[in-house]
Amino acid sequence: MTTKLANPHYPPEICVKVTLLNFMVTPEGLEDQMLNTVVRIEEPNKEEQRQRNIKEFFENKNKQQATENKILKMLSEATGNILDDEELINTLQMSKIESIEIEEKLKQQEINREQFKNL
């Protein structure tokens, strides 16, 4: 079953019998695909760099999520005054440093992406 509707509404009895897939094509998605193809053909070394950036981005996001989970766990398990918990304070400080580093890397990746667009 297909539809051209952007946000179709189906009754519940249909939804339980089928799996809905959204294959909507966006201009941004097409632009990224074309950019990837052009960069891969014209400048393979930049394509390798872009692939490393993507991998690093997701590794950083996972690391950040793990740190956030650790902080939440430590806060929930804290007893007494949380300002006396040195491990929690150190984890918060490291999280802040990591967050700044990740933000800088994301800015650099965005600059690289814009450079790829201008090729």
PDB file of N, CA and C in Angstrom:
ATOM      1  N   MET A   1       0.852  -1.153   0.000  1.00  0.00           N
ATOM      2  CA  MET A   1       0.000   0.000   0.000  1.00  0.00           C
ATOM      3  C   MET A   1       0.909   1.231   0.000  1.00  0.00           C
ATOM      4  N   THR A   2       0.660   2.178  -0.848  1.00  0.00           N
ATOM      5  CA  THR A   2       1.446   3.412  -0.911  1.00  0.00           C
ATOM      6  C   THR A   2       0.518   4.606  -0.876  1.00  0.00           C
ATOM      7  N   THR A   3       1.083   5.745  -0.519  1.00  0.00           N
ATOM      8  CA  THR A   3       0.322   6.985  -0.502  1.00  0.00           C
ATOM      9  C   THR A   3       1.253   8.154  -0.776  1.00  0.00           C
ATOM     10  N   LYS A   4       0.701   9.214  -1.301  1.00  0.00           N
ATOM     11  CA  LYS A   4       1.470  10.437  -1.512  1.00  0.00           C
ATOM     12  C   LYS A   4       1.241  11.430  -0.381  1.00  0.00           C
ATOM     13  N   LEU A   5       0.431  11.050   0.585  1.00  0.00           N
ATOM     14  CA  LEU A   5       0.163  11.925   1.720  1.00  0.00           C
ATOM     15  C   LEU A   5       1.405  12.056   2.586  1.00  0.00           C
ATOM     16  N   ALA A   6       1.682  13.262   3.042  1.00  0.00           N
ATOM     17  CA  ALA A   6       2.863  13.497   3.876  1.00  0.00           C
ATOM     18  C   ALA A   6       2.730  12.837   5.241  1.00  0.00           C
ATOM     19  N   ASN A   7       1.535  12.861   5.812  1.00  0.00           N
ATOM     20  CA  ASN A   7       1.320  12.278   7.131  1.00  0.00           C
ATOM     21  C   ASN A   7      -0.008  11.518   7.107  1.00  0.00           C
ATOM     22  N   PRO A   8      -0.019  10.325   6.548  1.00  0.00           N
ATOM     23  CA  PRO A   8      -1.290   9.594   6.425  1.00  0.00           C
ATOM     24  C   PRO A   8      -1.797   9.109   7.773  1.00  0.00           C
ATOM     25  N   HIS A   9      -3.108   8.991   7.881  1.00  0.00           N
ATOM     26  CA  HIS A   9      -3.725   8.464   9.090  1.00  0.00           C
ATOM     27  C   HIS A   9      -4.506   7.212   8.714  1.00  0.00           C
ATOM     28  N   TYR A  10      -4.120   6.106   9.315  1.00  0.00           N
ATOM     29  CA  TYR A  10      -4.802   4.844   9.060  1.00  0.00           C
ATOM     30  C   TYR A  10      -5.509   4.410  10.334  1.00  0.00           C
ATOM     31  N   PRO A  11      -6.638   3.723  10.179  1.00  0.00           N
ATOM     32  CA  PRO A  11      -7.340   3.229  11.364  1.00  0.00           C
ATOM     33  C   PRO A  11      -6.490   2.205  12.116  1.00  0.00           C
ATOM     34  N   PRO A  12      -6.708   2.044  13.413  1.00  0.00           N
ATOM     35  CA  PRO A  12      -5.904   1.114  14.219  1.00  0.00           C
ATOM     36  C   PRO A  12      -5.934  -0.327  13.704  1.00  0.00           C
ATOM     37  N   GLU A  13      -7.069  -0.768  13.156  1.00  0.00           N
ATOM     38  CA  GLU A  13      -7.138  -2.156  12.684  1.00  0.00           C
ATOM     39  C   GLU A  13      -6.207  -2.400  11.490  1.00  0.00           C
ATOM     40  N   ILE A  14      -5.889  -1.364  10.728  1.00  0.00           N
ATOM     41  CA  ILE A  14      -4.935  -1.502   9.629  1.00  0.00           C
ATOM     42  C   ILE A  14      -3.510  -1.430  10.172  1.00  0.00           C
ATOM     43  N   CYS A  15      -3.279  -0.535  11.110  1.00  0.00           N
ATOM     44  CA  CYS A  15      -1.928  -0.343  11.656  1.00  0.00           C
ATOM     45  C   CYS A  15      -1.384  -1.593  12.334  1.00  0.00           C
ATOM     46  N   VAL A  16      -2.247  -2.401  12.948  1.00  0.00           N
ATOM     47  CA  VAL A  16      -1.757  -3.605  13.625  1.00  0.00           C
ATOM     48  C   VAL A  16      -1.437  -4.718  12.636  1.00  0.00           C
ATOM     49  N   LYS A  17      -1.914  -4.619  11.407  1.00  0.00           N
ATOM     50  CA  LYS A  17      -1.693  -5.672  10.417  1.00  0.00           C
ATOM     51  C   LYS A  17      -0.560  -5.361   9.441  1.00  0.00           C
ATOM     52  N   VAL A  18      -0.077  -4.135   9.442  1.00  0.00           N
ATOM     53  CA  VAL A  18       0.957  -3.739   8.484  1.00  0.00           C
ATOM     54  C   VAL A  18       2.100  -3.039   9.213  1.00  0.00           C
ATOM     55  N   THR A  19       3.214  -2.934   8.529  1.00  0.00           N
ATOM     56  CA  THR A  19       4.344  -2.159   9.019  1.00  0.00           C
ATOM     57  C   THR A  19       4.441  -0.918   8.155  1.00  0.00           C
ATOM     58  N   LEU A  20       4.403   0.240   8.787  1.00  0.00           N
ATOM     59  CA  LEU A  20       4.455   1.494   8.050  1.00  0.00           C
ATOM     60  C   LEU A  20       5.909   1.908   7.856  1.00  0.00           C
ATOM     61  N   LEU A  21       6.280   2.214   6.618  1.00  0.00           N
ATOM     62  CA  LEU A  21       7.620   2.690   6.287  1.00  0.00           C
ATOM     63  C   LEU A  21       7.501   4.046   5.620  1.00  0.00           C
ATOM     64  N   ASN A  22       8.370   4.950   6.009  1.00  0.00           N
ATOM     65  CA  ASN A  22       8.358   6.283   5.433  1.00  0.00           C
ATOM     66  C   ASN A  22       9.580   6.415   4.534  1.00  0.00           C
ATOM     67  N   PHE A  23       9.356   6.425   3.222  1.00  0.00           N
ATOM     68  CA  PHE A  23      10.434   6.564   2.253  1.00  0.00           C
ATOM     69  C   PHE A  23      10.421   7.964   1.644  1.00  0.00           C
ATOM     70  N   MET A  24      10.059   8.931   2.445  1.00  0.00           N
ATOM     71  CA  MET A  24       9.967  10.298   1.960  1.00  0.00           C
ATOM     72  C   MET A  24      11.359  10.835   1.608  1.00  0.00           C
ATOM     73  N   VAL A  25      11.492  11.406   0.444  1.00  0.00           N
ATOM     74  CA  VAL A  25      12.751  11.967  -0.016  1.00  0.00           C
ATOM     75  C   VAL A  25      12.738  13.468   0.261  1.00  0.00           C
ATOM     76  N   THR A  26      13.812  13.941   0.904  1.00  0.00           N
ATOM     77  CA  THR A  26      13.904  15.366   1.198  1.00  0.00           C
ATOM     78  C   THR A  26      15.016  15.985   0.354  1.00  0.00           C
ATOM     79  N   PRO A  27      14.913  17.267   0.088  1.00  0.00           N
ATOM     80  CA  PRO A  27      15.991  17.929  -0.664  1.00  0.00           C
ATOM     81  C   PRO A  27      17.346  17.829   0.041  1.00  0.00           C
ATOM     82  N   GLU A  28      17.344  17.908   1.384  1.00  0.00           N
ATOM     83  CA  GLU A  28      18.593  17.800   2.132  1.00  0.00           C
ATOM     84  C   GLU A  28      19.202  16.411   1.981  1.00  0.00           C
ATOM     85  N   GLY A  29      18.368  15.387   2.012  1.00  0.00           N
ATOM     86  CA  GLY A  29      18.856  14.023   1.838  1.00  0.00           C
ATOM     87  C   GLY A  29      19.461  13.804   0.465  1.00  0.00           C
ATOM     88  N   LEU A  30      18.788  14.311  -0.557  1.00  0.00           N
ATOM     89  CA  LEU A  30      19.319  14.196  -1.915  1.00  0.00           C
ATOM     90  C   LEU A  30      20.621  14.968  -2.063  1.00  0.00           C
ATOM     91  N   GLU A  31      20.684  16.148  -1.459  1.00  0.00           N
ATOM     92  CA  GLU A  31      21.901  16.961  -1.520  1.00  0.00           C
ATOM     93  C   GLU A  31      23.077  16.225  -0.876  1.00  0.00           C
ATOM     94  N   ASP A  32      22.828  15.613   0.277  1.00  0.00           N
ATOM     95  CA  ASP A  32      23.885  14.858   0.949  1.00  0.00           C
ATOM     96  C   ASP A  32      24.357  13.679   0.107  1.00  0.00           C
ATOM     97  N   GLN A  33      23.430  12.968  -0.509  1.00  0.00           N
ATOM     98  CA  GLN A  33      23.809  11.832  -1.346  1.00  0.00           C
ATOM     99  C   GLN A  33      24.652  12.279  -2.529  1.00  0.00           C
ATOM    100  N   MET A  34      24.256  13.356  -3.186  1.00  0.00           N
ATOM    101  CA  MET A  34      25.022  13.855  -4.322  1.00  0.00           C
ATOM    102  C   MET A  34      26.398  14.338  -3.875  1.00  0.00           C
ATOM    103  N   LEU A  35      26.444  15.026  -2.751  1.00  0.00           N
ATOM    104  CA  LEU A  35      27.704  15.502  -2.214  1.00  0.00           C
ATOM    105  C   LEU A  35      28.638  14.334  -1.919  1.00  0.00           C
ATOM    106  N   ASN A  36      28.116  13.285  -1.313  1.00  0.00           N
ATOM    107  CA  ASN A  36      28.924  12.105  -1.013  1.00  0.00           C
ATOM    108  C   ASN A  36      29.490  11.495  -2.284  1.00  0.00           C
ATOM    109  N   THR A  37      28.680  11.386  -3.307  1.00  0.00           N
ATOM    110  CA  THR A  37      29.125  10.792  -4.565  1.00  0.00           C
ATOM    111  C   THR A  37      30.211  11.634  -5.215  1.00  0.00           C
ATOM    112  N   VAL A  38      30.019  12.935  -5.266  1.00  0.00           N
ATOM    113  CA  VAL A  38      30.996  13.829  -5.897  1.00  0.00           C
ATOM    114  C   VAL A  38      32.319  13.799  -5.134  1.00  0.00           C
ATOM    115  N   VAL A  39      32.264  13.891  -3.820  1.00  0.00           N
ATOM    116  CA  VAL A  39      33.482  13.901  -3.013  1.00  0.00           C
ATOM    117  C   VAL A  39      34.214  12.565  -3.144  1.00  0.00           C
ATOM    118  N   ARG A  40      33.482  11.459  -3.139  1.00  0.00           N
ATOM    119  CA  ARG A  40      34.105  10.135  -3.257  1.00  0.00           C
ATOM    120  C   ARG A  40      34.852   9.998  -4.583  1.00  0.00           C
ATOM    121  N   ILE A  41      34.310  10.557  -5.656  1.00  0.00           N
ATOM    122  CA  ILE A  41      34.935  10.438  -6.973  1.00  0.00           C
ATOM    123  C   ILE A  41      36.080  11.435  -7.132  1.00  0.00           C
ATOM    124  N   GLU A  42      35.855  12.690  -6.768  1.00  0.00           N
ATOM    125  CA  GLU A  42      36.836  13.741  -7.035  1.00  0.00           C
ATOM    126  C   GLU A  42      37.948  13.827  -5.994  1.00  0.00           C
ATOM    127  N   GLU A  43      37.636  13.573  -4.736  1.00  0.00           N
ATOM    128  CA  GLU A  43      38.639  13.700  -3.685  1.00  0.00           C
ATOM    129  C   GLU A  43      38.496  12.565  -2.676  1.00  0.00           C
ATOM    130  N   PRO A  44      39.068  11.398  -2.994  1.00  0.00           N
ATOM    131  CA  PRO A  44      38.927  10.233  -2.107  1.00  0.00           C
ATOM    132  C   PRO A  44      39.495  10.456  -0.701  1.00  0.00           C
ATOM    133  N   ASN A  45      40.584  11.245  -0.599  1.00  0.00           N
ATOM    134  CA  ASN A  45      41.147  11.470   0.741  1.00  0.00           C
ATOM    135  C   ASN A  45      40.200  12.277   1.622  1.00  0.00           C
ATOM    136  N   LYS A  46      39.466  13.213   1.039  1.00  0.00           N
ATOM    137  CA  LYS A  46      38.478  13.975   1.821  1.00  0.00           C
ATOM    138  C   LYS A  46      37.286  13.089   2.192  1.00  0.00           C
ATOM    139  N   GLU A  47      36.981  12.138   1.324  1.00  0.00           N
ATOM    140  CA  GLU A  47      35.906  11.193   1.649  1.00  0.00           C
ATOM    141  C   GLU A  47      36.300  10.356   2.856  1.00  0.00           C
ATOM    142  N   GLU A  48      37.559   9.932   2.909  1.00  0.00           N
ATOM    143  CA  GLU A  48      38.033   9.171   4.068  1.00  0.00           C
ATOM    144  C   GLU A  48      37.946  10.019   5.330  1.00  0.00           C
ATOM    145  N   GLN A  49      38.327  11.286   5.208  1.00  0.00           N
ATOM    146  CA  GLN A  49      38.237  12.194   6.351  1.00  0.00           C
ATOM    147  C   GLN A  49      36.787  12.365   6.794  1.00  0.00           C
ATOM    148  N   ARG A  50      35.890  12.495   5.839  1.00  0.00           N
ATOM    149  CA  ARG A  50      34.471  12.652   6.163  1.00  0.00           C
ATOM    150  C   ARG A  50      33.939  11.409   6.877  1.00  0.00           C
ATOM    151  N   GLN A  51      34.347  10.234   6.416  1.00  0.00           N
ATOM    152  CA  GLN A  51      33.921   8.987   7.051  1.00  0.00           C
ATOM    153  C   GLN A  51      34.447   8.910   8.486  1.00  0.00           C
ATOM    154  N   ARG A  52      35.703   9.325   8.686  1.00  0.00           N
ATOM    155  CA  ARG A  52      36.268   9.346  10.043  1.00  0.00           C
ATOM    156  C   ARG A  52      35.493  10.322  10.921  1.00  0.00           C
ATOM    157  N   ASN A  53      35.119  11.477  10.351  1.00  0.00           N
ATOM    158  CA  ASN A  53      34.358  12.472  11.116  1.00  0.00           C
ATOM    159  C   ASN A  53      33.003  11.916  11.544  1.00  0.00           C
ATOM    160  N   ILE A  54      32.352  11.200  10.648  1.00  0.00           N
ATOM    161  CA  ILE A  54      31.050  10.620  10.978  1.00  0.00           C
ATOM    162  C   ILE A  54      31.198   9.600  12.097  1.00  0.00           C
ATOM    163  N   LYS A  55      32.205   8.742  11.970  1.00  0.00           N
ATOM    164  CA  LYS A  55      32.442   7.719  12.998  1.00  0.00           C
ATOM    165  C   LYS A  55      32.754   8.377  14.341  1.00  0.00           C
ATOM    166  N   GLU A  56      33.613   9.391  14.313  1.00  0.00           N
ATOM    167  CA  GLU A  56      33.983  10.109  15.530  1.00  0.00           C
ATOM    168  C   GLU A  56      32.776  10.801  16.153  1.00  0.00           C
ATOM    169  N   PHE A  57      31.902  11.356  15.318  1.00  0.00           N
ATOM    170  CA  PHE A  57      30.703  12.022  15.807  1.00  0.00           C
ATOM    171  C   PHE A  57      29.854  11.057  16.636  1.00  0.00           C
ATOM    172  N   PHE A  58      29.612   9.863  16.092  1.00  0.00           N
ATOM    173  CA  PHE A  58      28.771   8.907  16.814  1.00  0.00           C
ATOM    174  C   PHE A  58      29.469   8.337  18.045  1.00  0.00           C
ATOM    175  N   GLU A  59      30.780   8.173  17.974  1.00  0.00           N
ATOM    176  CA  GLU A  59      31.515   7.735  19.160  1.00  0.00           C
ATOM    177  C   GLU A  59      31.414   8.778  20.268  1.00  0.00           C
ATOM    178  N   ASN A  60      31.541  10.053  19.889  1.00  0.00           N
ATOM    179  CA  ASN A  60      31.429  11.135  20.871  1.00  0.00           C
ATOM    180  C   ASN A  60      30.033  11.191  21.472  1.00  0.00           C
ATOM    181  N   LYS A  61      29.022  11.007  20.634  1.00  0.00           N
ATOM    182  CA  LYS A  61      27.646  11.019  21.152  1.00  0.00           C
ATOM    183  C   LYS A  61      27.436   9.873  22.145  1.00  0.00           C
ATOM    184  N   ASN A  62      27.968   8.691  21.821  1.00  0.00           N
ATOM    185  CA  ASN A  62      27.839   7.551  22.732  1.00  0.00           C
ATOM    186  C   ASN A  62      28.580   7.798  24.036  1.00  0.00           C
ATOM    187  N   LYS A  63      29.770   8.389  23.929  1.00  0.00           N
ATOM    188  CA  LYS A  63      30.554   8.698  25.118  1.00  0.00           C
ATOM    189  C   LYS A  63      29.821   9.705  25.990  1.00  0.00           C
ATOM    190  N   GLN A  64      29.251  10.710  25.358  1.00  0.00           N
ATOM    191  CA  GLN A  64      28.508  11.733  26.092  1.00  0.00           C
ATOM    192  C   GLN A  64      27.284  11.121  26.782  1.00  0.00           C
ATOM    193  N   GLN A  65      26.590  10.237  26.092  1.00  0.00           N
ATOM    194  CA  GLN A  65      25.418   9.581  26.677  1.00  0.00           C
ATOM    195  C   GLN A  65      25.821   8.708  27.868  1.00  0.00           C
ATOM    196  N   ALA A  66      26.937   7.997  27.743  1.00  0.00           N
ATOM    197  CA  ALA A  66      27.407   7.163  28.849  1.00  0.00           C
ATOM    198  C   ALA A  66      27.763   8.020  30.061  1.00  0.00           C
ATOM    199  N   THR A  67      28.394   9.150  29.835  1.00  0.00           N
ATOM    200  CA  THR A  67      28.745  10.050  30.935  1.00  0.00           C
ATOM    201  C   THR A  67      27.493  10.605  31.601  1.00  0.00           C
ATOM    202  N   GLU A  68      26.515  10.986  30.795  1.00  0.00           N
ATOM    203  CA  GLU A  68      25.257  11.490  31.356  1.00  0.00           C
ATOM    204  C   GLU A  68      24.574  10.423  32.200  1.00  0.00           C
ATOM    205  N   ASN A  69      24.566   9.191  31.715  1.00  0.00           N
ATOM    206  CA  ASN A  69      23.956   8.101  32.479  1.00  0.00           C
ATOM    207  C   ASN A  69      24.699   7.862  33.788  1.00  0.00           C
ATOM    208  N   LYS A  70      26.038   7.949  33.742  1.00  0.00           N
ATOM    209  CA  LYS A  70      26.833   7.768  34.956  1.00  0.00           C
ATOM    210  C   LYS A  70      26.509   8.859  35.968  1.00  0.00           C
ATOM    211  N   ILE A  71      26.392  10.091  35.497  1.00  0.00           N
ATOM    212  CA  ILE A  71      26.074  11.211  36.398  1.00  0.00           C
ATOM    213  C   ILE A  71      24.705  11.010  37.032  1.00  0.00           C
ATOM    214  N   LEU A  72      23.716  10.634  36.212  1.00  0.00           N
ATOM    215  CA  LEU A  72      22.372  10.413  36.753  1.00  0.00           C
ATOM    216  C   LEU A  72      22.364   9.282  37.776  1.00  0.00           C
ATOM    217  N   LYS A  73      23.103   8.232  37.508  1.00  0.00           N
ATOM    218  CA  LYS A  73      23.184   7.111  38.450  1.00  0.00           C
ATOM    219  C   LYS A  73      23.825   7.568  39.751  1.00  0.00           C
ATOM    220  N   MET A  74      24.914   8.322  39.627  1.00  0.00           N
ATOM    221  CA  MET A  74      25.604   8.796  40.827  1.00  0.00           C
ATOM    222  C   MET A  74      24.716   9.741  41.635  1.00  0.00           C
ATOM    223  N   LEU A  75      23.959  10.589  40.945  1.00  0.00           N
ATOM    224  CA  LEU A  75      23.056  11.500  41.652  1.00  0.00           C
ATOM    225  C   LEU A  75      21.942  10.742  42.363  1.00  0.00           C
ATOM    226  N   SER A  76      21.427   9.711  41.715  1.00  0.00           N
ATOM    227  CA  SER A  76      20.334   8.954  42.338  1.00  0.00           C
ATOM    228  C   SER A  76      20.824   8.127  43.522  1.00  0.00           C
ATOM    229  N   GLU A  77      22.098   7.723  43.487  1.00  0.00           N
ATOM    230  CA  GLU A  77      22.640   6.902  44.571  1.00  0.00           C
ATOM    231  C   GLU A  77      23.302   7.735  45.670  1.00  0.00           C
ATOM    232  N   ALA A  78      23.404   9.040  45.442  1.00  0.00           N
ATOM    233  CA  ALA A  78      24.088   9.902  46.411  1.00  0.00           C
ATOM    234  C   ALA A  78      23.312   9.974  47.715  1.00  0.00           C
ATOM    235  N   THR A  79      24.065   9.929  48.790  1.00  0.00           N
ATOM    236  CA  THR A  79      23.466  10.094  50.113  1.00  0.00           C
ATOM    237  C   THR A  79      24.148  11.270  50.777  1.00  0.00           C
ATOM    238  N   GLY A  80      23.406  12.015  51.521  1.00  0.00           N
ATOM    239  CA  GLY A  80      23.977  13.169  52.195  1.00  0.00           C
ATOM    240  C   GLY A  80      24.153  14.332  51.238  1.00  0.00           C
ATOM    241  N   ASN A  81      25.138  15.147  51.513  1.00  0.00           N
ATOM    242  CA  ASN A  81      25.398  16.344  50.721  1.00  0.00           C
ATOM    243  C   ASN A  81      26.153  15.955  49.444  1.00  0.00           C
ATOM    244  N   ILE A  82      25.559  16.249  48.290  1.00  0.00           N
ATOM    245  CA  ILE A  82      26.201  15.855  47.026  1.00  0.00           C
ATOM    246  C   ILE A  82      27.455  16.676  46.748  1.00  0.00           C
ATOM    247  N   LEU A  83      27.606  17.814  47.401  1.00  0.00           N
ATOM    248  CA  LEU A  83      28.808  18.633  47.220  1.00  0.00           C
ATOM    249  C   LEU A  83      30.034  17.999  47.880  1.00  0.00           C
ATOM    250  N   ASP A  84      29.827  17.042  48.756  1.00  0.00           N
ATOM    251  CA  ASP A  84      30.941  16.349  49.411  1.00  0.00           C
ATOM    252  C   ASP A  84      31.419  15.142  48.611  1.00  0.00           C
ATOM    253  N   ASP A  85      30.679  14.747  47.596  1.00  0.00           N
ATOM    254  CA  ASP A  85      31.031  13.584  46.781  1.00  0.00           C
ATOM    255  C   ASP A  85      32.035  13.999  45.706  1.00  0.00           C
ATOM    256  N   GLU A  86      33.328  13.733  45.981  1.00  0.00           N
ATOM    257  CA  GLU A  86      34.383  14.162  45.063  1.00  0.00           C
ATOM    258  C   GLU A  86      34.292  13.466  43.711  1.00  0.00           C
ATOM    259  N   GLU A  87      33.923  12.198  43.710  1.00  0.00           N
ATOM    260  CA  GLU A  87      33.820  11.465  42.445  1.00  0.00           C
ATOM    261  C   GLU A  87      32.742  12.089  41.557  1.00  0.00           C
ATOM    262  N   LEU A  88      31.634  12.464  42.142  1.00  0.00           N
ATOM    263  CA  LEU A  88      30.558  13.109  41.388  1.00  0.00           C
ATOM    264  C   LEU A  88      31.011  14.464  40.844  1.00  0.00           C
ATOM    265  N   ILE A  89      31.682  15.247  41.664  1.00  0.00           N
ATOM    266  CA  ILE A  89      32.176  16.559  41.234  1.00  0.00           C
ATOM    267  C   ILE A  89      33.174  16.394  40.089  1.00  0.00           C
ATOM    268  N   ASN A  90      34.092  15.443  40.207  1.00  0.00           N
ATOM    269  CA  ASN A  90      35.079  15.198  39.150  1.00  0.00           C
ATOM    270  C   ASN A  90      34.408  14.732  37.859  1.00  0.00           C
ATOM    271  N   THR A  91      33.413  13.879  37.986  1.00  0.00           N
ATOM    272  CA  THR A  91      32.687  13.404  36.806  1.00  0.00           C
ATOM    273  C   THR A  91      31.969  14.556  36.125  1.00  0.00           C
ATOM    274  N   LEU A  92      31.372  15.440  36.892  1.00  0.00           N
ATOM    275  CA  LEU A  92      30.703  16.615  36.320  1.00  0.00           C
ATOM    276  C   LEU A  92      31.696  17.527  35.601  1.00  0.00           C
ATOM    277  N   GLN A  93      32.864  17.707  36.188  1.00  0.00           N
ATOM    278  CA  GLN A  93      33.886  18.545  35.549  1.00  0.00           C
ATOM    279  C   GLN A  93      34.369  17.912  34.244  1.00  0.00           C
ATOM    280  N   MET A  94      34.607  16.605  34.260  1.00  0.00           N
ATOM    281  CA  MET A  94      35.046  15.913  33.043  1.00  0.00           C
ATOM    282  C   MET A  94      33.963  15.965  31.974  1.00  0.00           C
ATOM    283  N   SER A  95      32.721  15.848  32.398  1.00  0.00           N
ATOM    284  CA  SER A  95      31.608  15.920  31.460  1.00  0.00           C
ATOM    285  C   SER A  95      31.558  17.284  30.791  1.00  0.00           C
ATOM    286  N   LYS A  96      31.805  18.320  31.548  1.00  0.00           N
ATOM    287  CA  LYS A  96      31.796  19.674  30.996  1.00  0.00           C
ATOM    288  C   LYS A  96      32.919  19.833  29.968  1.00  0.00           C
ATOM    289  N   ILE A  97      34.104  19.339  30.285  1.00  0.00           N
ATOM    290  CA  ILE A  97      35.242  19.414  29.363  1.00  0.00           C
ATOM    291  C   ILE A  97      34.952  18.625  28.093  1.00  0.00           C
ATOM    292  N   GLU A  98      34.429  17.406  28.247  1.00  0.00           N
ATOM    293  CA  GLU A  98      34.096  16.571  27.087  1.00  0.00           C
ATOM    294  C   GLU A  98      33.040  17.241  26.214  1.00  0.00           C
ATOM    295  N   SER A  99      32.064  17.850  26.854  1.00  0.00           N
ATOM    296  CA  SER A  99      30.992  18.518  26.119  1.00  0.00           C
ATOM    297  C   SER A  99      31.537  19.667  25.279  1.00  0.00           C
ATOM    298  N   ILE A 100      32.451  20.433  25.833  1.00  0.00           N
ATOM    299  CA  ILE A 100      33.064  21.540  25.086  1.00  0.00           C
ATOM    300  C   ILE A 100      33.873  21.005  23.914  1.00  0.00           C
ATOM    301  N   GLU A 101      34.641  19.933  24.142  1.00  0.00           N
ATOM    302  CA  GLU A 101      35.442  19.334  23.065  1.00  0.00           C
ATOM    303  C   GLU A 101      34.552  18.813  21.943  1.00  0.00           C
ATOM    304  N   ILE A 102      33.474  18.147  22.307  1.00  0.00           N
ATOM    305  CA  ILE A 102      32.559  17.597  21.306  1.00  0.00           C
ATOM    306  C   ILE A 102      31.913  18.724  20.516  1.00  0.00           C
ATOM    307  N   GLU A 103      31.536  19.793  21.195  1.00  0.00           N
ATOM    308  CA  GLU A 103      30.928  20.935  20.505  1.00  0.00           C
ATOM    309  C   GLU A 103      31.897  21.549  19.496  1.00  0.00           C
ATOM    310  N   GLU A 104      33.169  21.667  19.877  1.00  0.00           N
ATOM    311  CA  GLU A 104      34.171  22.204  18.956  1.00  0.00           C
ATOM    312  C   GLU A 104      34.357  21.286  17.749  1.00  0.00           C
ATOM    313  N   LYS A 105      34.376  19.983  17.992  1.00  0.00           N
ATOM    314  CA  LYS A 105      34.517  19.021  16.896  1.00  0.00           C
ATOM    315  C   LYS A 105      33.324  19.097  15.954  1.00  0.00           C
ATOM    316  N   LEU A 106      32.138  19.260  16.504  1.00  0.00           N
ATOM    317  CA  LEU A 106      30.945  19.361  15.665  1.00  0.00           C
ATOM    318  C   LEU A 106      30.985  20.620  14.804  1.00  0.00           C
ATOM    319  N   LYS A 107      31.481  21.718  15.374  1.00  0.00           N
ATOM    320  CA  LYS A 107      31.617  22.946  14.586  1.00  0.00           C
ATOM    321  C   LYS A 107      32.601  22.735  13.443  1.00  0.00           C
ATOM    322  N   GLN A 108      33.718  22.065  13.726  1.00  0.00           N
ATOM    323  CA  GLN A 108      34.715  21.797  12.697  1.00  0.00           C
ATOM    324  C   GLN A 108      34.142  20.890  11.612  1.00  0.00           C
ATOM    325  N   GLN A 109      33.358  19.898  12.015  1.00  0.00           N
ATOM    326  CA  GLN A 109      32.740  19.016  11.038  1.00  0.00           C
ATOM    327  C   GLN A 109      31.761  19.776  10.160  1.00  0.00           C
ATOM    328  N   GLU A 110      31.046  20.720  10.728  1.00  0.00           N
ATOM    329  CA  GLU A 110      30.113  21.528   9.938  1.00  0.00           C
ATOM    330  C   GLU A 110      30.872  22.404   8.945  1.00  0.00           C
ATOM    331  N   ILE A 111      32.010  22.946   9.359  1.00  0.00           N
ATOM    332  CA  ILE A 111      32.852  23.737   8.443  1.00  0.00           C
ATOM    333  C   ILE A 111      33.333  22.852   7.305  1.00  0.00           C
ATOM    334  N   ASN A 112      33.780  21.631   7.624  1.00  0.00           N
ATOM    335  CA  ASN A 112      34.225  20.690   6.590  1.00  0.00           C
ATOM    336  C   ASN A 112      33.085  20.353   5.632  1.00  0.00           C
ATOM    337  N   ARG A 113      31.895  20.178   6.173  1.00  0.00           N
ATOM    338  CA  ARG A 113      30.743  19.848   5.335  1.00  0.00           C
ATOM    339  C   ARG A 113      30.442  20.985   4.361  1.00  0.00           C
ATOM    340  N   GLU A 114      30.525  22.208   4.849  1.00  0.00           N
ATOM    341  CA  GLU A 114      30.297  23.372   3.987  1.00  0.00           C
ATOM    342  C   GLU A 114      31.370  23.460   2.901  1.00  0.00           C
ATOM    343  N   GLN A 115      32.600  23.110   3.263  1.00  0.00           N
ATOM    344  CA  GLN A 115      33.676  23.111   2.258  1.00  0.00           C
ATOM    345  C   GLN A 115      33.388  22.076   1.172  1.00  0.00           C
ATOM    346  N   PHE A 116      32.885  20.923   1.563  1.00  0.00           N
ATOM    347  CA  PHE A 116      32.544  19.879   0.595  1.00  0.00           C
ATOM    348  C   PHE A 116      31.446  20.365  -0.336  1.00  0.00           C
ATOM    349  N   LYS A 117      30.501  21.130   0.201  1.00  0.00           N
ATOM    350  CA  LYS A 117      29.408  21.633  -0.623  1.00  0.00           C
ATOM    351  C   LYS A 117      29.912  22.612  -1.673  1.00  0.00           C
ATOM    352  N   ASN A 118      30.963  23.347  -1.329  1.00  0.00           N
ATOM    353  CA  ASN A 118      31.472  24.371  -2.228  1.00  0.00           C
ATOM    354  C   ASN A 118      32.454  23.832  -3.277  1.00  0.00           C
ATOM    355  N   LEU A 119      32.659  22.532  -3.314  1.00  0.00           N
ATOM    356  CA  LEU A 119      33.589  21.958  -4.309  1.00  0.00           C
ATOM    357  C   LEU A 119      33.084  22.127  -5.709  1.00  0.00           C
TER     358      LEU A 119
END
